[in-house]
Amino acid sequence: MSGTGQGAFIAAVKPLVDAMGGEMIPPDEAGPDDVVLSWEGVAAVAVRLPQLADSLDHILAALERRRGVPLAELDRKAKQEIVRSLEARGAFAVRHGVETVASALGVSRFTVYNYLNREKGA
């Protein structure tokens, strides 16, 4: 990874890779499911994307960091907003997504389903 341009490119994409829970690896170590990013026609870095379930955990941890308190300590309205946001991102299409979110929010699966149904009925 020589050159200032390539190093700057890698530094520029790192926050995005971190935000989605990916891992940056040397391009020559990329597997068939990894995404190789090129800069000025040269493979600069490969990105190993997380499994969907790992992404959900990463998203929940990021939400908690952003809010500055454990998600379980939020009020009902804030938890409903989080459920709406996660639904829009496809979180509940992931196997055990409802259980994972319910655990993070400190509520039951039934409560998460109620939040989801309340949105559909509104």
PDB file of N, CA and C in Angstrom:
ATOM      1  N   MET A   1       0.840  -1.180   0.000  1.00  0.00           N
ATOM      2  CA  MET A   1       0.000   0.000   0.000  1.00  0.00           C
ATOM      3  C   MET A   1       0.880   1.237   0.000  1.00  0.00           C
ATOM      4  N   SER A   2       1.579   1.383  -1.085  1.00  0.00           N
ATOM      5  CA  SER A   2       2.508   2.501  -1.166  1.00  0.00           C
ATOM      6  C   SER A   2       1.812   3.728  -1.726  1.00  0.00           C
ATOM      7  N   GLY A   3       2.444   4.848  -1.534  1.00  0.00           N
ATOM      8  CA  GLY A   3       1.930   6.091  -2.108  1.00  0.00           C
ATOM      9  C   GLY A   3       0.980   6.808  -1.190  1.00  0.00           C
ATOM     10  N   THR A   4       1.100   8.108  -1.194  1.00  0.00           N
ATOM     11  CA  THR A   4       0.249   8.944  -0.359  1.00  0.00           C
ATOM     12  C   THR A   4      -1.205   8.846  -0.790  1.00  0.00           C
ATOM     13  N   GLY A   5      -1.450   8.818  -2.099  1.00  0.00           N
ATOM     14  CA  GLY A   5      -2.816   8.771  -2.604  1.00  0.00           C
ATOM     15  C   GLY A   5      -3.549   7.535  -2.137  1.00  0.00           C
ATOM     16  N   GLN A   6      -2.909   6.391  -2.233  1.00  0.00           N
ATOM     17  CA  GLN A   6      -3.542   5.147  -1.823  1.00  0.00           C
ATOM     18  C   GLN A   6      -3.770   5.129  -0.311  1.00  0.00           C
ATOM     19  N   GLY A   7      -2.796   5.591   0.457  1.00  0.00           N
ATOM     20  CA  GLY A   7      -2.951   5.653   1.911  1.00  0.00           C
ATOM     21  C   GLY A   7      -4.077   6.586   2.308  1.00  0.00           C
ATOM     22  N   ALA A   8      -4.182   7.717   1.600  1.00  0.00           N
ATOM     23  CA  ALA A   8      -5.264   8.669   1.873  1.00  0.00           C
ATOM     24  C   ALA A   8      -6.616   8.056   1.517  1.00  0.00           C
ATOM     25  N   PHE A   9      -6.661   7.297   0.422  1.00  0.00           N
ATOM     26  CA  PHE A   9      -7.896   6.632   0.021  1.00  0.00           C
ATOM     27  C   PHE A   9      -8.336   5.633   1.092  1.00  0.00           C
ATOM     28  N   ILE A  10      -7.392   4.830   1.564  1.00  0.00           N
ATOM     29  CA  ILE A  10      -7.704   3.833   2.594  1.00  0.00           C
ATOM     30  C   ILE A  10      -8.191   4.530   3.861  1.00  0.00           C
ATOM     31  N   ALA A  11      -7.521   5.611   4.247  1.00  0.00           N
ATOM     32  CA  ALA A  11      -7.940   6.374   5.430  1.00  0.00           C
ATOM     33  C   ALA A  11      -9.338   6.952   5.230  1.00  0.00           C
ATOM     34  N   ALA A  12      -9.654   7.337   4.001  1.00  0.00           N
ATOM     35  CA  ALA A  12     -10.966   7.931   3.713  1.00  0.00           C
ATOM     36  C   ALA A  12     -12.094   6.912   3.797  1.00  0.00           C
ATOM     37  N   VAL A  13     -11.846   5.673   3.387  1.00  0.00           N
ATOM     38  CA  VAL A  13     -12.916   4.670   3.411  1.00  0.00           C
ATOM     39  C   VAL A  13     -13.018   3.942   4.748  1.00  0.00           C
ATOM     40  N   LYS A  14     -11.996   4.045   5.584  1.00  0.00           N
ATOM     41  CA  LYS A  14     -12.000   3.330   6.870  1.00  0.00           C
ATOM     42  C   LYS A  14     -13.217   3.657   7.735  1.00  0.00           C
ATOM     43  N   PRO A  15     -13.628   4.924   7.892  1.00  0.00           N
ATOM     44  CA  PRO A  15     -14.815   5.188   8.717  1.00  0.00           C
ATOM     45  C   PRO A  15     -16.073   4.488   8.198  1.00  0.00           C
ATOM     46  N   LEU A  16     -16.218   4.389   6.897  1.00  0.00           N
ATOM     47  CA  LEU A  16     -17.368   3.700   6.320  1.00  0.00           C
ATOM     48  C   LEU A  16     -17.299   2.207   6.623  1.00  0.00           C
ATOM     49  N   VAL A  17     -16.142   1.620   6.430  1.00  0.00           N
ATOM     50  CA  VAL A  17     -15.959   0.194   6.703  1.00  0.00           C
ATOM     51  C   VAL A  17     -16.229  -0.078   8.185  1.00  0.00           C
ATOM     52  N   ASP A  18     -15.694   0.777   9.051  1.00  0.00           N
ATOM     53  CA  ASP A  18     -15.914   0.612  10.497  1.00  0.00           C
ATOM     54  C   ASP A  18     -17.401   0.737  10.842  1.00  0.00           C
ATOM     55  N   ALA A  19     -18.078   1.708  10.236  1.00  0.00           N
ATOM     56  CA  ALA A  19     -19.491   1.949  10.539  1.00  0.00           C
ATOM     57  C   ALA A  19     -20.371   0.762  10.169  1.00  0.00           C
ATOM     58  N   MET A  20     -19.991   0.035   9.139  1.00  0.00           N
ATOM     59  CA  MET A  20     -20.811  -1.106   8.742  1.00  0.00           C
ATOM     60  C   MET A  20     -20.299  -2.410   9.341  1.00  0.00           C
ATOM     61  N   GLY A  21     -19.239  -2.322  10.155  1.00  0.00           N
ATOM     62  CA  GLY A  21     -18.742  -3.520  10.824  1.00  0.00           C
ATOM     63  C   GLY A  21     -17.888  -4.403   9.945  1.00  0.00           C
ATOM     64  N   GLY A  22     -17.360  -3.826   8.863  1.00  0.00           N
ATOM     65  CA  GLY A  22     -16.505  -4.587   7.972  1.00  0.00           C
ATOM     66  C   GLY A  22     -15.074  -4.628   8.474  1.00  0.00           C
ATOM     67  N   GLU A  23     -14.234  -5.328   7.723  1.00  0.00           N
ATOM     68  CA  GLU A  23     -12.823  -5.458   8.074  1.00  0.00           C
ATOM     69  C   GLU A  23     -12.001  -5.166   6.836  1.00  0.00           C
ATOM     70  N   MET A  24     -10.962  -4.366   6.988  1.00  0.00           N
ATOM     71  CA  MET A  24     -10.077  -4.060   5.869  1.00  0.00           C
ATOM     72  C   MET A  24      -8.929  -5.066   5.878  1.00  0.00           C
ATOM     73  N   ILE A  25      -8.667  -5.655   4.707  1.00  0.00           N
ATOM     74  CA  ILE A  25      -7.599  -6.642   4.581  1.00  0.00           C
ATOM     75  C   ILE A  25      -6.797  -6.338   3.320  1.00  0.00           C
ATOM     76  N   PRO A  26      -5.571  -6.860   3.240  1.00  0.00           N
ATOM     77  CA  PRO A  26      -4.792  -6.653   2.010  1.00  0.00           C
ATOM     78  C   PRO A  26      -5.524  -7.264   0.814  1.00  0.00           C
ATOM     79  N   PRO A  27      -5.478  -6.600  -0.334  1.00  0.00           N
ATOM     80  CA  PRO A  27      -6.218  -7.104  -1.504  1.00  0.00           C
ATOM     81  C   PRO A  27      -5.826  -8.516  -1.933  1.00  0.00           C
ATOM     82  N   ASP A  28      -4.557  -8.885  -1.716  1.00  0.00           N
ATOM     83  CA  ASP A  28      -4.128 -10.228  -2.130  1.00  0.00           C
ATOM     84  C   ASP A  28      -4.660 -11.326  -1.198  1.00  0.00           C
ATOM     85  N   GLU A  29      -5.296 -10.932  -0.088  1.00  0.00           N
ATOM     86  CA  GLU A  29      -5.902 -11.906   0.820  1.00  0.00           C
ATOM     87  C   GLU A  29      -7.419 -11.989   0.639  1.00  0.00           C
ATOM     88  N   ALA A  30      -7.946 -11.260  -0.344  1.00  0.00           N
ATOM     89  CA  ALA A  30      -9.396 -11.203  -0.560  1.00  0.00           C
ATOM     90  C   ALA A  30      -9.933 -12.544  -1.029  1.00  0.00           C
ATOM     91  N   GLY A  31     -11.074 -12.888  -0.471  1.00  0.00           N
ATOM     92  CA  GLY A  31     -11.779 -14.087  -0.888  1.00  0.00           C
ATOM     93  C   GLY A  31     -12.874 -13.717  -1.874  1.00  0.00           C
ATOM     94  N   PRO A  32     -13.634 -14.693  -2.340  1.00  0.00           N
ATOM     95  CA  PRO A  32     -14.665 -14.426  -3.351  1.00  0.00           C
ATOM     96  C   PRO A  32     -15.801 -13.523  -2.859  1.00  0.00           C
ATOM     97  N   ASP A  33     -16.030 -13.469  -1.560  1.00  0.00           N
ATOM     98  CA  ASP A  33     -17.111 -12.625  -1.032  1.00  0.00           C
ATOM     99  C   ASP A  33     -16.625 -11.258  -0.568  1.00  0.00           C
ATOM    100  N   ASP A  34     -15.325 -11.016  -0.657  1.00  0.00           N
ATOM    101  CA  ASP A  34     -14.782  -9.726  -0.242  1.00  0.00           C
ATOM    102  C   ASP A  34     -14.869  -8.737  -1.403  1.00  0.00           C
ATOM    103  N   VAL A  35     -14.868  -7.451  -1.065  1.00  0.00           N
ATOM    104  CA  VAL A  35     -14.949  -6.394  -2.072  1.00  0.00           C
ATOM    105  C   VAL A  35     -13.590  -5.724  -2.157  1.00  0.00           C
ATOM    106  N   VAL A  36     -12.975  -5.787  -3.340  1.00  0.00           N
ATOM    107  CA  VAL A  36     -11.678  -5.153  -3.541  1.00  0.00           C
ATOM    108  C   VAL A  36     -11.909  -3.739  -4.073  1.00  0.00           C
ATOM    109  N   LEU A  37     -11.325  -2.762  -3.368  1.00  0.00           N
ATOM    110  CA  LEU A  37     -11.432  -1.368  -3.775  1.00  0.00           C
ATOM    111  C   LEU A  37     -10.135  -0.955  -4.452  1.00  0.00           C
ATOM    112  N   SER A  38     -10.266  -0.324  -5.609  1.00  0.00           N
ATOM    113  CA  SER A  38      -9.092   0.124  -6.356  1.00  0.00           C
ATOM    114  C   SER A  38      -8.987   1.633  -6.296  1.00  0.00           C
ATOM    115  N   TRP A  39      -7.747   2.102  -6.361  1.00  0.00           N
ATOM    116  CA  TRP A  39      -7.468   3.538  -6.404  1.00  0.00           C
ATOM    117  C   TRP A  39      -6.470   3.758  -7.523  1.00  0.00           C
ATOM    118  N   GLU A  40      -6.855   4.597  -8.471  1.00  0.00           N
ATOM    119  CA  GLU A  40      -6.023   4.905  -9.638  1.00  0.00           C
ATOM    120  C   GLU A  40      -5.584   3.629 -10.354  1.00  0.00           C
ATOM    121  N   GLY A  41      -6.544   2.692 -10.500  1.00  0.00           N
ATOM    122  CA  GLY A  41      -6.314   1.477 -11.266  1.00  0.00           C
ATOM    123  C   GLY A  41      -5.562   0.377 -10.541  1.00  0.00           C
ATOM    124  N   VAL A  42      -5.260   0.577  -9.260  1.00  0.00           N
ATOM    125  CA  VAL A  42      -4.513  -0.422  -8.502  1.00  0.00           C
ATOM    126  C   VAL A  42      -5.339  -0.860  -7.295  1.00  0.00           C
ATOM    127  N   ALA A  43      -5.393  -2.178  -7.063  1.00  0.00           N
ATOM    128  CA  ALA A  43      -6.123  -2.688  -5.897  1.00  0.00           C
ATOM    129  C   ALA A  43      -5.478  -2.114  -4.638  1.00  0.00           C
ATOM    130  N   ALA A  44      -6.258  -1.354  -3.869  1.00  0.00           N
ATOM    131  CA  ALA A  44      -5.723  -0.676  -2.686  1.00  0.00           C
ATOM    132  C   ALA A  44      -6.009  -1.449  -1.405  1.00  0.00           C
ATOM    133  N   VAL A  45      -7.210  -1.948  -1.301  1.00  0.00           N
ATOM    134  CA  VAL A  45      -7.618  -2.619  -0.071  1.00  0.00           C
ATOM    135  C   VAL A  45      -8.827  -3.494  -0.382  1.00  0.00           C
ATOM    136  N   ALA A  46      -8.978  -4.550   0.393  1.00  0.00           N
ATOM    137  CA  ALA A  46     -10.172  -5.382   0.275  1.00  0.00           C
ATOM    138  C   ALA A  46     -10.995  -5.184   1.540  1.00  0.00           C
ATOM    139  N   VAL A  47     -12.303  -5.269   1.384  1.00  0.00           N
ATOM    140  CA  VAL A  47     -13.208  -5.118   2.513  1.00  0.00           C
ATOM    141  C   VAL A  47     -13.966  -6.431   2.694  1.00  0.00           C
ATOM    142  N   ARG A  48     -13.841  -6.966   3.895  1.00  0.00           N
ATOM    143  CA  ARG A  48     -14.590  -8.172   4.247  1.00  0.00           C
ATOM    144  C   ARG A  48     -15.855  -7.705   4.947  1.00  0.00           C
ATOM    145  N   LEU A  49     -16.976  -7.939   4.311  1.00  0.00           N
ATOM    146  CA  LEU A  49     -18.253  -7.504   4.852  1.00  0.00           C
ATOM    147  C   LEU A  49     -18.682  -8.424   5.985  1.00  0.00           C
ATOM    148  N   PRO A  50     -19.362  -7.874   6.976  1.00  0.00           N
ATOM    149  CA  PRO A  50     -19.795  -8.704   8.097  1.00  0.00           C
ATOM    150  C   PRO A  50     -20.989  -9.564   7.721  1.00  0.00           C
ATOM    151  N   GLN A  51     -21.216 -10.604   8.500  1.00  0.00           N
ATOM    152  CA  GLN A  51     -22.433 -11.392   8.356  1.00  0.00           C
ATOM    153  C   GLN A  51     -23.593 -10.497   8.806  1.00  0.00           C
ATOM    154  N   LEU A  52     -24.780 -10.723   8.292  1.00  0.00           N
ATOM    155  CA  LEU A  52     -25.919  -9.871   8.637  1.00  0.00           C
ATOM    156  C   LEU A  52     -26.173  -9.795  10.133  1.00  0.00           C
ATOM    157  N   ALA A  53     -26.083 -10.921  10.828  1.00  0.00           N
ATOM    158  CA  ALA A  53     -26.333 -10.910  12.268  1.00  0.00           C
ATOM    159  C   ALA A  53     -25.292 -10.060  12.988  1.00  0.00           C
ATOM    160  N   ASP A  54     -24.043 -10.132  12.537  1.00  0.00           N
ATOM    161  CA  ASP A  54     -22.991  -9.311  13.134  1.00  0.00           C
ATOM    162  C   ASP A  54     -23.251  -7.838  12.853  1.00  0.00           C
ATOM    163  N   SER A  55     -23.776  -7.541  11.668  1.00  0.00           N
ATOM    164  CA  SER A  55     -24.099  -6.151  11.322  1.00  0.00           C
ATOM    165  C   SER A  55     -25.140  -5.589  12.278  1.00  0.00           C
ATOM    166  N   LEU A  56     -26.140  -6.379  12.620  1.00  0.00           N
ATOM    167  CA  LEU A  56     -27.186  -5.916  13.527  1.00  0.00           C
ATOM    168  C   LEU A  56     -26.591  -5.585  14.891  1.00  0.00           C
ATOM    169  N   ASP A  57     -25.729  -6.457  15.402  1.00  0.00           N
ATOM    170  CA  ASP A  57     -25.068  -6.175  16.676  1.00  0.00           C
ATOM    171  C   ASP A  57     -24.256  -4.883  16.587  1.00  0.00           C
ATOM    172  N   HIS A  58     -23.582  -4.699  15.466  1.00  0.00           N
ATOM    173  CA  HIS A  58     -22.766  -3.500  15.258  1.00  0.00           C
ATOM    174  C   HIS A  58     -23.640  -2.248  15.205  1.00  0.00           C
ATOM    175  N   ILE A  59     -24.760  -2.334  14.515  1.00  0.00           N
ATOM    176  CA  ILE A  59     -25.698  -1.204  14.418  1.00  0.00           C
ATOM    177  C   ILE A  59     -26.244  -0.848  15.795  1.00  0.00           C
ATOM    178  N   LEU A  60     -26.607  -1.861  16.578  1.00  0.00           N
ATOM    179  CA  LEU A  60     -27.132  -1.609  17.922  1.00  0.00           C
ATOM    180  C   LEU A  60     -26.074  -0.953  18.807  1.00  0.00           C
ATOM    181  N   ALA A  61     -24.849  -1.422  18.715  1.00  0.00           N
ATOM    182  CA  ALA A  61     -23.765  -0.824  19.511  1.00  0.00           C
ATOM    183  C   ALA A  61     -23.527   0.628  19.091  1.00  0.00           C
ATOM    184  N   ALA A  62     -23.597   0.899  17.801  1.00  0.00           N
ATOM    185  CA  ALA A  62     -23.414   2.271  17.315  1.00  0.00           C
ATOM    186  C   ALA A  62     -24.546   3.179  17.799  1.00  0.00           C
ATOM    187  N   LEU A  63     -25.778   2.673  17.783  1.00  0.00           N
ATOM    188  CA  LEU A  63     -26.914   3.452  18.287  1.00  0.00           C
ATOM    189  C   LEU A  63     -26.725   3.792  19.761  1.00  0.00           C
ATOM    190  N   GLU A  64     -26.229   2.827  20.501  1.00  0.00           N
ATOM    191  CA  GLU A  64     -26.004   3.038  21.932  1.00  0.00           C
ATOM    192  C   GLU A  64     -24.913   4.087  22.155  1.00  0.00           C
ATOM    193  N   ARG A  65     -23.834   3.988  21.382  1.00  0.00           N
ATOM    194  CA  ARG A  65     -22.757   4.990  21.502  1.00  0.00           C
ATOM    195  C   ARG A  65     -23.275   6.380  21.157  1.00  0.00           C
ATOM    196  N   ARG A  66     -24.057   6.456  20.085  1.00  0.00           N
ATOM    197  CA  ARG A  66     -24.576   7.751  19.636  1.00  0.00           C
ATOM    198  C   ARG A  66     -25.493   8.389  20.683  1.00  0.00           C
ATOM    199  N   ARG A  67     -26.288   7.574  21.334  1.00  0.00           N
ATOM    200  CA  ARG A  67     -27.229   8.098  22.328  1.00  0.00           C
ATOM    201  C   ARG A  67     -26.582   8.313  23.691  1.00  0.00           C
ATOM    202  N   GLY A  68     -25.452   7.655  23.918  1.00  0.00           N
ATOM    203  CA  GLY A  68     -24.712   7.866  25.154  1.00  0.00           C
ATOM    204  C   GLY A  68     -25.247   7.141  26.373  1.00  0.00           C
ATOM    205  N   VAL A  69     -26.249   6.312  26.197  1.00  0.00           N
ATOM    206  CA  VAL A  69     -26.799   5.518  27.295  1.00  0.00           C
ATOM    207  C   VAL A  69     -27.173   4.144  26.752  1.00  0.00           C
ATOM    208  N   PRO A  70     -27.234   3.152  27.635  1.00  0.00           N
ATOM    209  CA  PRO A  70     -27.700   1.842  27.166  1.00  0.00           C
ATOM    210  C   PRO A  70     -29.105   1.967  26.565  1.00  0.00           C
ATOM    211  N   LEU A  71     -29.344   1.282  25.475  1.00  0.00           N
ATOM    212  CA  LEU A  71     -30.638   1.370  24.801  1.00  0.00           C
ATOM    213  C   LEU A  71     -31.777   0.964  25.735  1.00  0.00           C
ATOM    214  N   ALA A  72     -31.505   0.049  26.643  1.00  0.00           N
ATOM    215  CA  ALA A  72     -32.544  -0.412  27.571  1.00  0.00           C
ATOM    216  C   ALA A  72     -33.020   0.703  28.500  1.00  0.00           C
ATOM    217  N   GLU A  73     -32.214   1.769  28.657  1.00  0.00           N
ATOM    218  CA  GLU A  73     -32.590   2.870  29.542  1.00  0.00           C
ATOM    219  C   GLU A  73     -33.418   3.953  28.841  1.00  0.00           C
ATOM    220  N   LEU A  74     -33.615   3.821  27.542  1.00  0.00           N
ATOM    221  CA  LEU A  74     -34.391   4.812  26.803  1.00  0.00           C
ATOM    222  C   LEU A  74     -35.876   4.695  27.135  1.00  0.00           C
ATOM    223  N   ASP A  75     -36.602   5.785  26.915  1.00  0.00           N
ATOM    224  CA  ASP A  75     -38.047   5.728  27.145  1.00  0.00           C
ATOM    225  C   ASP A  75     -38.730   5.004  25.985  1.00  0.00           C
ATOM    226  N   ARG A  76     -40.011   4.709  26.167  1.00  0.00           N
ATOM    227  CA  ARG A  76     -40.760   3.920  25.180  1.00  0.00           C
ATOM    228  C   ARG A  76     -40.751   4.574  23.803  1.00  0.00           C
ATOM    229  N   LYS A  77     -40.940   5.881  23.755  1.00  0.00           N
ATOM    230  CA  LYS A  77     -40.978   6.582  22.464  1.00  0.00           C
ATOM    231  C   LYS A  77     -39.650   6.428  21.719  1.00  0.00           C
ATOM    232  N   ALA A  78     -38.540   6.578  22.429  1.00  0.00           N
ATOM    233  CA  ALA A  78     -37.223   6.426  21.801  1.00  0.00           C
ATOM    234  C   ALA A  78     -37.017   4.989  21.309  1.00  0.00           C
ATOM    235  N   LYS A  79     -37.474   4.021  22.087  1.00  0.00           N
ATOM    236  CA  LYS A  79     -37.354   2.624  21.668  1.00  0.00           C
ATOM    237  C   LYS A  79     -38.191   2.358  20.418  1.00  0.00           C
ATOM    238  N   GLN A  80     -39.377   2.951  20.355  1.00  0.00           N
ATOM    239  CA  GLN A  80     -40.217   2.796  19.162  1.00  0.00           C
ATOM    240  C   GLN A  80     -39.522   3.406  17.944  1.00  0.00           C
ATOM    241  N   GLU A  81     -38.877   4.552  18.113  1.00  0.00           N
ATOM    242  CA  GLU A  81     -38.143   5.179  17.002  1.00  0.00           C
ATOM    243  C   GLU A  81     -37.010   4.283  16.525  1.00  0.00           C
ATOM    244  N   ILE A  82     -36.316   3.670  17.473  1.00  0.00           N
ATOM    245  CA  ILE A  82     -35.226   2.764  17.107  1.00  0.00           C
ATOM    246  C   ILE A  82     -35.774   1.574  16.326  1.00  0.00           C
ATOM    247  N   VAL A  83     -36.878   0.996  16.789  1.00  0.00           N
ATOM    248  CA  VAL A  83     -37.475  -0.144  16.084  1.00  0.00           C
ATOM    249  C   VAL A  83     -37.873   0.266  14.666  1.00  0.00           C
ATOM    250  N   ARG A  84     -38.468   1.434  14.507  1.00  0.00           N
ATOM    251  CA  ARG A  84     -38.842   1.926  13.166  1.00  0.00           C
ATOM    252  C   ARG A  84     -37.610   2.062  12.277  1.00  0.00           C
ATOM    253  N   SER A  85     -36.558   2.658  12.835  1.00  0.00           N
ATOM    254  CA  SER A  85     -35.318   2.853  12.088  1.00  0.00           C
ATOM    255  C   SER A  85     -34.706   1.508  11.688  1.00  0.00           C
ATOM    256  N   LEU A  86     -34.685   0.572  12.613  1.00  0.00           N
ATOM    257  CA  LEU A  86     -34.123  -0.743  12.319  1.00  0.00           C
ATOM    258  C   LEU A  86     -34.953  -1.501  11.298  1.00  0.00           C
ATOM    259  N   GLU A  87     -36.265  -1.348  11.371  1.00  0.00           N
ATOM    260  CA  GLU A  87     -37.118  -2.009  10.382  1.00  0.00           C
ATOM    261  C   GLU A  87     -36.821  -1.470   8.981  1.00  0.00           C
ATOM    262  N   ALA A  88     -36.638  -0.159   8.882  1.00  0.00           N
ATOM    263  CA  ALA A  88     -36.329   0.461   7.587  1.00  0.00           C
ATOM    264  C   ALA A  88     -34.998  -0.051   7.028  1.00  0.00           C
ATOM    265  N   ARG A  89     -34.109  -0.452   7.915  1.00  0.00           N
ATOM    266  CA  ARG A  89     -32.794  -0.954   7.493  1.00  0.00           C
ATOM    267  C   ARG A  89     -32.793  -2.462   7.281  1.00  0.00           C
ATOM    268  N   GLY A  90     -33.932  -3.121   7.482  1.00  0.00           N
ATOM    269  CA  GLY A  90     -34.034  -4.556   7.239  1.00  0.00           C
ATOM    270  C   GLY A  90     -33.584  -5.430   8.389  1.00  0.00           C
ATOM    271  N   ALA A  91     -33.502  -4.860   9.578  1.00  0.00           N
ATOM    272  CA  ALA A  91     -32.987  -5.608  10.729  1.00  0.00           C
ATOM    273  C   ALA A  91     -33.821  -6.829  11.075  1.00  0.00           C
ATOM    274  N   PHE A  92     -35.096  -6.777  10.770  1.00  0.00           N
ATOM    275  CA  PHE A  92     -35.960  -7.879  11.187  1.00  0.00           C
ATOM    276  C   PHE A  92     -36.048  -8.982  10.136  1.00  0.00           C
ATOM    277  N   ALA A  93     -35.321  -8.819   9.038  1.00  0.00           N
ATOM    278  CA  ALA A  93     -35.206  -9.881   8.047  1.00  0.00           C
ATOM    279  C   ALA A  93     -34.085 -10.844   8.441  1.00  0.00           C
ATOM    280  N   VAL A  94     -33.257 -10.420   9.387  1.00  0.00           N
ATOM    281  CA  VAL A  94     -32.144 -11.232   9.861  1.00  0.00           C
ATOM    282  C   VAL A  94     -32.672 -12.269  10.846  1.00  0.00           C
ATOM    283  N   ARG A  95     -32.178 -13.475  10.744  1.00  0.00           N
ATOM    284  CA  ARG A  95     -32.578 -14.536  11.666  1.00  0.00           C
ATOM    285  C   ARG A  95     -32.316 -14.072  13.104  1.00  0.00           C
ATOM    286  N   HIS A  96     -33.288 -14.197  13.955  1.00  0.00           N
ATOM    287  CA  HIS A  96     -33.235 -13.788  15.362  1.00  0.00           C
ATOM    288  C   HIS A  96     -33.129 -12.277  15.533  1.00  0.00           C
ATOM    289  N   GLY A  97     -33.476 -11.520  14.493  1.00  0.00           N
ATOM    290  CA  GLY A  97     -33.406 -10.060  14.569  1.00  0.00           C
ATOM    291  C   GLY A  97     -34.286  -9.488  15.663  1.00  0.00           C
ATOM    292  N   VAL A  98     -35.516  -9.981  15.760  1.00  0.00           N
ATOM    293  CA  VAL A  98     -36.434  -9.470  16.784  1.00  0.00           C
ATOM    294  C   VAL A  98     -35.873  -9.764  18.174  1.00  0.00           C
ATOM    295  N   GLU A  99     -35.369 -10.973  18.367  1.00  0.00           N
ATOM    296  CA  GLU A  99     -34.814 -11.339  19.668  1.00  0.00           C
ATOM    297  C   GLU A  99     -33.603 -10.482  20.014  1.00  0.00           C
ATOM    298  N   THR A 100     -32.737 -10.251  19.046  1.00  0.00           N
ATOM    299  CA  THR A 100     -31.533  -9.454  19.263  1.00  0.00           C
ATOM    300  C   THR A 100     -31.896  -8.024  19.646  1.00  0.00           C
ATOM    301  N   VAL A 101     -32.844  -7.436  18.920  1.00  0.00           N
ATOM    302  CA  VAL A 101     -33.271  -6.064  19.204  1.00  0.00           C
ATOM    303  C   VAL A 101     -33.977  -5.998  20.552  1.00  0.00           C
ATOM    304  N   ALA A 102     -34.853  -6.952  20.828  1.00  0.00           N
ATOM    305  CA  ALA A 102     -35.571  -6.966  22.103  1.00  0.00           C
ATOM    306  C   ALA A 102     -34.583  -7.014  23.267  1.00  0.00           C
ATOM    307  N   SER A 103     -33.581  -7.843  23.153  1.00  0.00           N
ATOM    308  CA  SER A 103     -32.580  -7.960  24.206  1.00  0.00           C
ATOM    309  C   SER A 103     -31.839  -6.642  24.406  1.00  0.00           C
ATOM    310  N   ALA A 104     -31.438  -6.007  23.303  1.00  0.00           N
ATOM    311  CA  ALA A 104     -30.708  -4.735  23.392  1.00  0.00           C
ATOM    312  C   ALA A 104     -31.571  -3.633  24.006  1.00  0.00           C
ATOM    313  N   LEU A 105     -32.866  -3.660  23.707  1.00  0.00           N
ATOM    314  CA  LEU A 105     -33.773  -2.621  24.217  1.00  0.00           C
ATOM    315  C   LEU A 105     -34.303  -2.945  25.616  1.00  0.00           C
ATOM    316  N   GLY A 106     -34.050  -4.159  26.085  1.00  0.00           N
ATOM    317  CA  GLY A 106     -34.534  -4.548  27.401  1.00  0.00           C
ATOM    318  C   GLY A 106     -36.038  -4.734  27.444  1.00  0.00           C
ATOM    319  N   VAL A 107     -36.582  -5.202  26.318  1.00  0.00           N
ATOM    320  CA  VAL A 107     -38.022  -5.455  26.235  1.00  0.00           C
ATOM    321  C   VAL A 107     -38.235  -6.879  25.729  1.00  0.00           C
ATOM    322  N   SER A 108     -39.480  -7.314  25.735  1.00  0.00           N
ATOM    323  CA  SER A 108     -39.789  -8.653  25.235  1.00  0.00           C
ATOM    324  C   SER A 108     -39.930  -8.633  23.708  1.00  0.00           C
ATOM    325  N   ARG A 109     -39.875  -9.815  23.120  1.00  0.00           N
ATOM    326  CA  ARG A 109     -40.137  -9.928  21.677  1.00  0.00           C
ATOM    327  C   ARG A 109     -41.540  -9.416  21.378  1.00  0.00           C
ATOM    328  N   PHE A 110     -42.468  -9.745  22.249  1.00  0.00           N
ATOM    329  CA  PHE A 110     -43.849  -9.313  22.080  1.00  0.00           C
ATOM    330  C   PHE A 110     -43.927  -7.781  21.969  1.00  0.00           C
ATOM    331  N   THR A 111     -43.162  -7.083  22.789  1.00  0.00           N
ATOM    332  CA  THR A 111     -43.146  -5.612  22.749  1.00  0.00           C
ATOM    333  C   THR A 111     -42.611  -5.107  21.417  1.00  0.00           C
ATOM    334  N   VAL A 112     -41.537  -5.731  20.921  1.00  0.00           N
ATOM    335  CA  VAL A 112     -40.992  -5.321  19.617  1.00  0.00           C
ATOM    336  C   VAL A 112     -42.043  -5.540  18.535  1.00  0.00           C
ATOM    337  N   TYR A 113     -42.729  -6.693  18.565  1.00  0.00           N
ATOM    338  CA  TYR A 113     -43.786  -6.940  17.579  1.00  0.00           C
ATOM    339  C   TYR A 113     -44.906  -5.907  17.714  1.00  0.00           C
ATOM    340  N   ASN A 114     -45.239  -5.520  18.938  1.00  0.00           N
ATOM    341  CA  ASN A 114     -46.243  -4.477  19.131  1.00  0.00           C
ATOM    342  C   ASN A 114     -45.794  -3.155  18.510  1.00  0.00           C
ATOM    343  N   TYR A 115     -44.534  -2.795  18.702  1.00  0.00           N
ATOM    344  CA  TYR A 115     -44.012  -1.552  18.100  1.00  0.00           C
ATOM    345  C   TYR A 115     -44.122  -1.633  16.567  1.00  0.00           C
ATOM    346  N   LEU A 116     -43.773  -2.787  16.011  1.00  0.00           N
ATOM    347  CA  LEU A 116     -43.837  -2.961  14.561  1.00  0.00           C
ATOM    348  C   LEU A 116     -45.288  -2.909  14.076  1.00  0.00           C
ATOM    349  N   ASN A 117     -46.189  -3.567  14.766  1.00  0.00           N
ATOM    350  CA  ASN A 117     -47.588  -3.583  14.363  1.00  0.00           C
ATOM    351  C   ASN A 117     -48.242  -2.213  14.534  1.00  0.00           C
ATOM    352  N   ARG A 118     -47.845  -1.476  15.549  1.00  0.00           N
ATOM    353  CA  ARG A 118     -48.393  -0.146  15.789  1.00  0.00           C
ATOM    354  C   ARG A 118     -48.081   0.759  14.577  1.00  0.00           C
ATOM    355  N   GLU A 119     -46.886   0.591  14.028  1.00  0.00           N
ATOM    356  CA  GLU A 119     -46.493   1.381  12.865  1.00  0.00           C
ATOM    357  C   GLU A 119     -47.339   1.025  11.648  1.00  0.00           C
ATOM    358  N   LYS A 120     -47.580  -0.246  11.451  1.00  0.00           N
ATOM    359  CA  LYS A 120     -48.343  -0.682  10.286  1.00  0.00           C
ATOM    360  C   LYS A 120     -49.794  -0.247  10.376  1.00  0.00           C
ATOM    361  N   GLY A 121     -50.318  -0.190  11.598  1.00  0.00           N
ATOM    362  CA  GLY A 121     -51.704   0.190  11.804  1.00  0.00           C
ATOM    363  C   GLY A 121     -51.924   1.704  11.816  1.00  0.00           C
ATOM    364  N   ALA A 122     -50.849   2.451  11.980  1.00  0.00           N
ATOM    365  CA  ALA A 122     -50.983   3.918  12.096  1.00  0.00           C
ATOM    366  C   ALA A 122     -51.096   4.587  10.749  1.00  0.00           C
TER     367      ALA A 122
END
